[in-house]
Amino acid sequence: MDILIVLIPLALILAGVWLATFLWSLHSQQYEDLEGAAHRALSDEDR
């Protein structure tokens, strides 16, 4: 039972870190152009 004193806060901290990272990725527009990178990888255009 003593391990729950460690595991529950650890799980809450990890969930908070995950949520903060996810919200940061949304704010920095990481999901705006999902297909653009795939098209750029296949194109032969030199820039």
Protein backbone atom coordinates (compact mmCIF):
# COMPACT_ATOMS: atom_id res chain seq x y z
CA MET A 1 0.00 0.00 0.00
CA ASP A 2 2.93 2.34 0.60
CA ILE A 3 3.87 2.20 -3.07
CA LEU A 4 0.59 3.93 -3.95
CA ILE A 5 1.87 7.02 -2.14
CA VAL A 6 4.61 7.18 -4.77
CA LEU A 7 2.81 5.86 -7.85
CA ILE A 8 -0.31 8.05 -7.77
CA PRO A 9 1.55 11.39 -7.66
CA LEU A 10 4.03 10.08 -10.23
CA ALA A 11 1.18 9.15 -12.57
CA LEU A 12 -0.41 12.57 -12.08
CA ILE A 13 2.89 14.32 -12.82
CA LEU A 14 3.45 12.26 -15.98
CA ALA A 15 -0.11 12.95 -17.14
CA GLY A 16 0.47 16.66 -16.55
CA VAL A 17 3.71 16.60 -18.55
CA TRP A 18 1.94 14.77 -21.39
CA LEU A 19 -0.93 17.26 -21.36
CA ALA A 20 1.43 20.24 -21.34
CA THR A 21 3.40 18.78 -24.26
CA PHE A 22 0.23 18.08 -26.22
CA LEU A 23 -1.12 21.58 -25.62
CA TRP A 24 2.24 23.07 -26.64
CA SER A 25 2.16 21.09 -29.89
CA LEU A 26 -1.35 22.35 -30.62
CA HIS A 27 -0.34 25.93 -29.85
CA SER A 28 2.75 25.77 -32.08
CA GLN A 29 0.58 24.47 -34.96
CA GLN A 30 2.30 21.10 -35.30
CA TYR A 31 -0.89 19.57 -36.71
CA GLU A 32 -1.79 22.24 -39.28
CA ASP A 33 -0.40 20.57 -42.42
CA LEU A 34 -0.38 16.81 -41.97
CA GLU A 35 0.11 15.92 -45.63
CA GLY A 36 2.56 18.65 -46.59
CA ALA A 37 5.65 16.85 -45.32
CA ALA A 38 4.71 13.70 -47.23
CA HIS A 39 4.31 15.65 -50.46
CA ARG A 40 7.58 17.52 -49.94
CA ALA A 41 9.44 14.25 -49.35
CA LEU A 42 8.17 12.84 -52.66
CA SER A 43 8.62 15.93 -54.82
CA ASP A 44 11.68 16.40 -57.01
CA GLU A 45 11.71 20.18 -56.81
CA ASP A 46 14.96 21.81 -55.70
CA ARG A 47 14.58 24.92 -53.62
